[in-house]
């Protein structure tokens, strides 16, 4: 499949930490902010919008806005964000969203964390490849960040 037809990114990370610890790292807004490098204004609540600011050097001007879609205790955390957040020059439908899912599975040595981001076919084909590559690189970095966070 051509990258321009790709609608999702999937990243699997094996973490040497129990599911409960990984769950806290990804769903507690303050812990999430530490490893993701974002200052969130409040906790994640299903059906509610979470706002904040990115704290990653060079990206401090970027606003965070996500809608918490699901919180299935110690199994699945999902949020969505509007595609206009990374592509403000394109007009999107009001219901357009990119979905991020964190799935947790216990393993013999800790937790398998599967991060999936989907919804890239909404982006214009002229921008899709750039957004996909940028977000894939971002998830590679964030996977290392969460692994370091739960290892400390």
Protein backbone atom coordinates (compact mmCIF):
# COMPACT_ATOMS: atom_id res chain seq x y z
CA UNK A 1 0.00 0.00 0.00
CA UNK A 2 1.26 3.45 -0.92
CA UNK A 3 2.04 5.76 2.02
CA UNK A 4 -0.37 8.33 0.58
CA UNK A 5 -3.20 5.77 1.03
CA UNK A 6 -2.21 4.96 4.61
CA UNK A 7 -4.78 5.92 7.23
CA UNK A 8 -2.99 4.79 10.39
CA UNK A 9 0.24 4.57 12.33
CA UNK A 10 0.80 1.73 14.80
CA UNK A 11 3.63 1.55 17.31
CA UNK A 12 4.11 -1.39 19.71
CA UNK A 13 6.26 -0.89 22.79
CA UNK A 14 7.27 -3.55 25.31
CA UNK A 15 7.53 -1.91 28.73
CA UNK A 16 9.17 -3.43 31.81
CA UNK A 17 6.48 -2.02 34.09
CA UNK A 18 3.15 -3.38 35.35
CA UNK A 19 -0.08 -2.42 33.56
CA UNK A 20 -1.25 -0.29 36.53
CA UNK A 21 1.89 1.86 36.33
CA UNK A 22 1.65 2.30 32.55
CA UNK A 23 -2.07 3.13 32.85
CA UNK A 24 -1.28 5.90 35.32
CA UNK A 25 1.51 7.23 33.07
CA UNK A 26 -0.84 7.58 30.10
CA UNK A 27 -4.12 8.61 31.77
CA UNK A 28 -3.06 10.89 34.64
CA UNK A 29 -2.84 14.30 32.96
CA UNK A 30 0.18 15.38 35.01
CA UNK A 31 2.14 12.17 34.39
CA UNK A 32 1.13 12.21 30.73
CA UNK A 33 2.39 15.79 30.53
CA UNK A 34 5.79 14.83 31.94
CA UNK A 35 6.70 12.29 29.28
CA UNK A 36 4.63 13.71 26.39
CA UNK A 37 5.96 17.21 27.10
CA UNK A 38 2.66 19.02 27.37
CA UNK A 39 1.15 21.10 30.17
CA UNK A 40 -2.52 20.11 30.37
CA UNK A 41 -5.11 22.31 32.05
CA UNK A 42 -7.01 19.41 33.62
CA UNK A 43 -7.61 15.66 33.72
CA UNK A 44 -8.84 13.41 30.94
CA UNK A 45 -12.61 12.77 31.22
CA UNK A 46 -14.67 10.84 28.68
CA UNK A 47 -16.62 13.24 26.49
CA UNK A 48 -14.66 16.27 27.69
CA UNK A 49 -12.13 18.43 25.88
CA UNK A 50 -8.66 18.71 27.40
CA UNK A 51 -6.63 21.80 26.61
CA UNK A 52 -3.06 22.84 27.25
CA UNK A 53 0.24 23.78 25.66
CA UNK A 54 3.08 21.73 24.24
CA UNK A 55 6.27 22.17 26.30
CA UNK A 56 8.63 20.42 23.87
CA UNK A 57 11.46 22.87 23.03
CA UNK A 58 10.71 24.73 19.83
CA UNK A 59 7.01 23.82 19.95
CA UNK A 60 5.89 25.84 22.97
CA UNK A 61 3.59 27.93 20.72
CA UNK A 62 1.51 24.84 19.86
CA UNK A 63 -1.82 24.51 21.67
CA UNK A 64 -3.11 21.12 22.82
CA UNK A 65 -6.76 20.28 22.31
CA UNK A 66 -8.11 16.75 22.55
CA UNK A 67 -11.41 15.06 23.21
CA UNK A 68 -11.29 12.02 25.49
CA UNK A 69 -13.15 9.24 23.67
CA UNK A 70 -12.64 6.21 25.96
CA UNK A 71 -11.12 5.25 29.29
CA UNK A 72 -11.44 1.48 29.76
CA UNK A 73 -9.53 0.97 32.99
CA UNK A 74 -6.06 -0.49 32.40
CA UNK A 75 -7.01 -1.60 28.86
CA UNK A 76 -7.73 1.30 26.50
CA UNK A 77 -7.33 5.06 26.54
CA UNK A 78 -8.43 6.93 23.44
CA UNK A 79 -8.55 10.59 22.52
CA UNK A 80 -9.08 12.51 19.32
CA UNK A 81 -7.79 15.79 17.98
CA UNK A 82 -8.89 17.98 15.08
CA UNK A 83 -6.82 17.70 11.87
CA UNK A 84 -6.78 21.50 11.69
CA UNK A 85 -4.38 21.42 14.67
CA UNK A 86 -1.53 20.45 12.31
CA UNK A 87 -3.09 21.77 9.10
CA UNK A 88 -4.77 25.11 9.85
CA UNK A 89 -4.76 26.08 6.15
CA UNK A 90 -7.33 23.43 5.17
CA UNK A 91 -11.04 23.54 6.00
CA UNK A 92 -12.24 20.30 7.60
CA UNK A 93 -15.73 19.11 8.51
CA UNK A 94 -16.74 19.92 12.09
CA UNK A 95 -16.73 16.20 12.94
CA UNK A 96 -13.29 15.52 11.41
CA UNK A 97 -10.90 13.95 13.89
CA UNK A 98 -7.71 11.97 14.22
CA UNK A 99 -8.01 9.17 16.79
CA UNK A 100 -5.18 8.10 19.12
CA UNK A 101 -5.55 4.82 21.01
CA UNK A 102 -3.33 3.38 23.74
CA UNK A 103 -4.02 -0.35 24.24
CA UNK A 104 -2.44 -2.11 27.21
CA UNK A 105 -1.86 -5.85 27.52
CA UNK A 106 -0.08 -7.59 30.40
CA UNK A 107 2.98 -9.64 29.45
CA UNK A 108 5.32 -11.87 31.45
CA UNK A 109 7.79 -8.99 31.76
CA UNK A 110 5.41 -6.05 32.09
CA UNK A 111 3.12 -4.38 29.57
CA UNK A 112 2.71 -4.33 25.81
CA UNK A 113 1.56 -0.85 24.83
CA UNK A 114 0.12 -0.49 21.34
CA UNK A 115 -0.27 3.10 20.17
CA UNK A 116 -2.48 3.59 17.11
CA UNK A 117 -3.22 6.89 15.41
CA UNK A 118 -5.79 6.85 12.61
CA UNK A 119 -7.66 9.27 10.39
CA UNK A 120 -4.94 10.41 8.01
CA UNK A 121 -7.03 9.96 4.87
CA UNK A 122 -8.86 13.17 5.86
CA UNK A 123 -5.75 15.19 5.08
CA UNK A 124 -5.37 16.43 1.50
CA UNK A 125 -3.16 14.03 -0.44
CA UNK A 126 -0.67 16.88 -0.98
CA UNK A 127 -0.10 17.09 2.81
CA UNK A 128 -0.82 13.54 3.97
CA UNK A 129 2.67 12.09 3.50
CA UNK A 130 4.28 14.94 5.44
CA UNK A 131 1.78 14.59 8.31
CA UNK A 132 2.15 10.79 8.40
CA UNK A 133 5.95 10.94 8.48
CA UNK A 134 5.99 13.70 11.09
CA UNK A 135 3.55 11.86 13.35
CA UNK A 136 5.34 8.52 12.92
CA UNK A 137 8.58 10.19 13.98
CA UNK A 138 6.71 11.79 16.88
CA UNK A 139 5.38 8.44 18.10
CA UNK A 140 8.86 6.90 17.87
CA UNK A 141 10.07 9.65 20.22
CA UNK A 142 7.03 9.40 22.51
CA UNK A 143 7.41 5.62 22.78
CA UNK A 144 10.96 6.15 24.07
CA UNK A 145 9.69 8.87 26.41
CA UNK A 146 6.99 6.73 28.01
CA UNK A 147 9.40 3.80 28.33
CA UNK A 148 11.91 6.01 30.16
CA UNK A 149 9.13 7.48 32.31
CA UNK A 150 7.85 4.12 33.59
CA UNK A 151 11.40 2.81 34.06
CA UNK A 152 12.33 5.61 36.47
